[in-house]
N, C-alpha and C. Protein backbone atom coordinates (compact mmCIF):
# COMPACT_ATOMS: atom_id res chain seq x y z
N TYR A 1 0.81 -1.22 -0.01
CA TYR A 1 0.01 0.01 0.00
C TYR A 1 0.86 1.27 0.00
N VAL A 2 2.04 1.15 0.43
CA VAL A 2 2.92 2.34 0.51
C VAL A 2 3.15 2.92 -0.88
N ALA A 3 3.38 2.07 -1.86
CA ALA A 3 3.60 2.55 -3.24
C ALA A 3 2.37 3.28 -3.76
N GLN A 4 1.19 2.77 -3.44
CA GLN A 4 -0.05 3.41 -3.88
C GLN A 4 -0.20 4.79 -3.22
N LEU A 5 0.11 4.85 -1.93
CA LEU A 5 -0.01 6.14 -1.24
C LEU A 5 0.98 7.16 -1.78
N ILE A 6 2.16 6.73 -2.11
CA ILE A 6 3.14 7.64 -2.70
C ILE A 6 2.67 8.13 -4.06
N GLN A 7 2.07 7.24 -4.85
CA GLN A 7 1.56 7.64 -6.16
C GLN A 7 0.39 8.61 -6.01
N ILE A 8 -0.49 8.36 -5.05
CA ILE A 8 -1.63 9.25 -4.81
C ILE A 8 -1.14 10.62 -4.38
N GLU A 9 -0.15 10.66 -3.51
CA GLU A 9 0.39 11.92 -3.05
C GLU A 9 1.02 12.70 -4.23
N SER A 10 1.71 11.98 -5.08
CA SER A 10 2.32 12.61 -6.25
C SER A 10 1.25 13.16 -7.18
N ASP A 11 0.18 12.41 -7.38
CA ASP A 11 -0.92 12.87 -8.23
C ASP A 11 -1.58 14.12 -7.63
N LEU A 12 -1.76 14.12 -6.33
CA LEU A 12 -2.37 15.30 -5.66
C LEU A 12 -1.48 16.52 -5.78
N GLU A 13 -0.19 16.35 -5.63
CA GLU A 13 0.73 17.47 -5.76
C GLU A 13 0.73 18.01 -7.20
N ALA A 14 0.65 17.13 -8.19
CA ALA A 14 0.59 17.56 -9.58
C ALA A 14 -0.70 18.32 -9.86
N ALA A 15 -1.80 17.82 -9.31
CA ALA A 15 -3.09 18.53 -9.50
C ALA A 15 -3.07 19.87 -8.82
N ASN A 16 -2.46 19.95 -7.64
CA ASN A 16 -2.36 21.22 -6.92
C ASN A 16 -1.50 22.21 -7.72
N ASP A 17 -0.41 21.74 -8.30
CA ASP A 17 0.43 22.60 -9.12
C ASP A 17 -0.33 23.16 -10.31
N GLN A 18 -1.17 22.30 -10.93
CA GLN A 18 -1.97 22.76 -12.07
C GLN A 18 -3.01 23.80 -11.62
N ILE A 19 -3.61 23.60 -10.49
CA ILE A 19 -4.58 24.57 -9.96
C ILE A 19 -3.91 25.90 -9.67
N MET A 20 -2.74 25.86 -9.08
CA MET A 20 -2.00 27.09 -8.79
C MET A 20 -1.61 27.81 -10.08
N LEU A 21 -1.20 27.09 -11.09
CA LEU A 21 -0.85 27.68 -12.37
C LEU A 21 -2.06 28.31 -13.02
N PHE A 22 -3.21 27.64 -12.98
CA PHE A 22 -4.44 28.16 -13.54
C PHE A 22 -4.86 29.42 -12.79
N SER A 23 -4.76 29.41 -11.46
CA SER A 23 -5.13 30.57 -10.66
C SER A 23 -4.21 31.75 -10.94
N ALA A 24 -2.92 31.50 -11.06
CA ALA A 24 -1.99 32.57 -11.36
C ALA A 24 -2.23 33.14 -12.76
N SER A 25 -2.58 32.28 -13.70
CA SER A 25 -2.90 32.75 -15.05
C SER A 25 -4.14 33.59 -15.05
N ALA A 26 -5.15 33.19 -14.30
CA ALA A 26 -6.38 33.99 -14.21
C ALA A 26 -6.11 35.34 -13.55
N ALA A 27 -5.29 35.37 -12.51
CA ALA A 27 -4.96 36.63 -11.86
C ALA A 27 -4.16 37.55 -12.79
N GLY A 28 -3.25 36.97 -13.57
CA GLY A 28 -2.47 37.75 -14.52
C GLY A 28 -3.36 38.31 -15.62
N LEU A 29 -4.29 37.52 -16.11
CA LEU A 29 -5.22 38.00 -17.14
C LEU A 29 -6.11 39.11 -16.58
N TRP A 30 -6.54 38.97 -15.35
CA TRP A 30 -7.35 40.02 -14.73
C TRP A 30 -6.53 41.32 -14.60
N ALA A 31 -5.26 41.21 -14.19
CA ALA A 31 -4.41 42.40 -14.07
C ALA A 31 -4.22 43.08 -15.41
N VAL A 32 -4.00 42.30 -16.46
CA VAL A 32 -3.88 42.89 -17.80
C VAL A 32 -5.18 43.58 -18.21
N ASN A 33 -6.31 42.98 -17.89
CA ASN A 33 -7.59 43.57 -18.19
C ASN A 33 -7.80 44.90 -17.44
N VAL A 34 -7.38 44.96 -16.19
CA VAL A 34 -7.50 46.20 -15.41
C VAL A 34 -6.63 47.29 -16.03
N ILE A 35 -5.43 46.96 -16.42
CA ILE A 35 -4.53 47.94 -17.02
C ILE A 35 -5.12 48.42 -18.34
N HIS A 36 -5.62 47.49 -19.14
CA HIS A 36 -6.22 47.88 -20.42
C HIS A 36 -7.44 48.76 -20.22
N ALA A 37 -8.28 48.43 -19.26
CA ALA A 37 -9.45 49.25 -18.97
C ALA A 37 -9.05 50.64 -18.48
N PHE A 38 -7.99 50.72 -17.71
CA PHE A 38 -7.51 52.03 -17.24
C PHE A 38 -7.02 52.88 -18.41
N ILE A 39 -6.29 52.28 -19.32
CA ILE A 39 -5.72 53.02 -20.45
C ILE A 39 -6.82 53.40 -21.46
N SER A 40 -7.71 52.48 -21.76
CA SER A 40 -8.69 52.71 -22.81
C SER A 40 -10.09 52.99 -22.28
N GLY A 41 -10.19 53.42 -21.03
CA GLY A 41 -11.48 53.71 -20.43
C GLY A 41 -12.20 54.85 -21.11
N PRO A 42 -13.43 55.12 -20.70
CA PRO A 42 -14.20 56.18 -21.33
C PRO A 42 -13.55 57.55 -21.07
N LYS A 43 -13.38 58.30 -22.14
CA LYS A 43 -12.79 59.63 -22.06
C LYS A 43 -13.68 60.60 -22.81
N ASP A 44 -13.52 61.90 -22.51
CA ASP A 44 -14.32 62.90 -23.21
C ASP A 44 -13.83 63.08 -24.64
N SER A 45 -12.52 63.00 -24.84
CA SER A 45 -12.00 63.15 -26.20
C SER A 45 -10.83 62.18 -26.39
N PHE A 46 -10.60 61.82 -27.64
CA PHE A 46 -9.52 60.89 -27.92
C PHE A 46 -8.14 61.50 -27.74
N SER A 47 -8.05 62.81 -27.81
CA SER A 47 -6.75 63.43 -27.66
C SER A 47 -6.24 63.35 -26.21
N SER A 48 -7.11 63.05 -25.26
CA SER A 48 -6.69 62.99 -23.86
C SER A 48 -6.16 61.61 -23.48
N LEU A 49 -6.24 60.63 -24.40
CA LEU A 49 -5.74 59.28 -24.09
C LEU A 49 -4.22 59.30 -23.98
N PRO A 50 -3.65 58.53 -23.04
CA PRO A 50 -2.18 58.51 -22.90
C PRO A 50 -1.50 57.75 -24.04
N VAL A 51 -2.22 56.90 -24.75
CA VAL A 51 -1.66 56.10 -25.84
C VAL A 51 -2.57 56.23 -27.03
N SER A 52 -2.01 56.38 -28.22
CA SER A 52 -2.84 56.42 -29.43
C SER A 52 -2.36 55.35 -30.39
N LEU A 53 -3.25 54.91 -31.26
CA LEU A 53 -2.92 53.83 -32.21
C LEU A 53 -2.26 54.36 -33.46
N ALA A 54 -2.54 55.59 -33.85
CA ALA A 54 -1.96 56.10 -35.11
C ALA A 54 -1.23 57.38 -34.86
């Protein structure tokens, strides 16, 4: 049974690592979205934007 328990623990650690990676990716995507919303948020005129496309 020891070998099975070691395999189960390894599987749980791998699943936990995947969950942490997914969570970090979601947090990073949210942060990029916040920055994008701050830069391209509603403005009175396009000339007041800090970044322009053309």
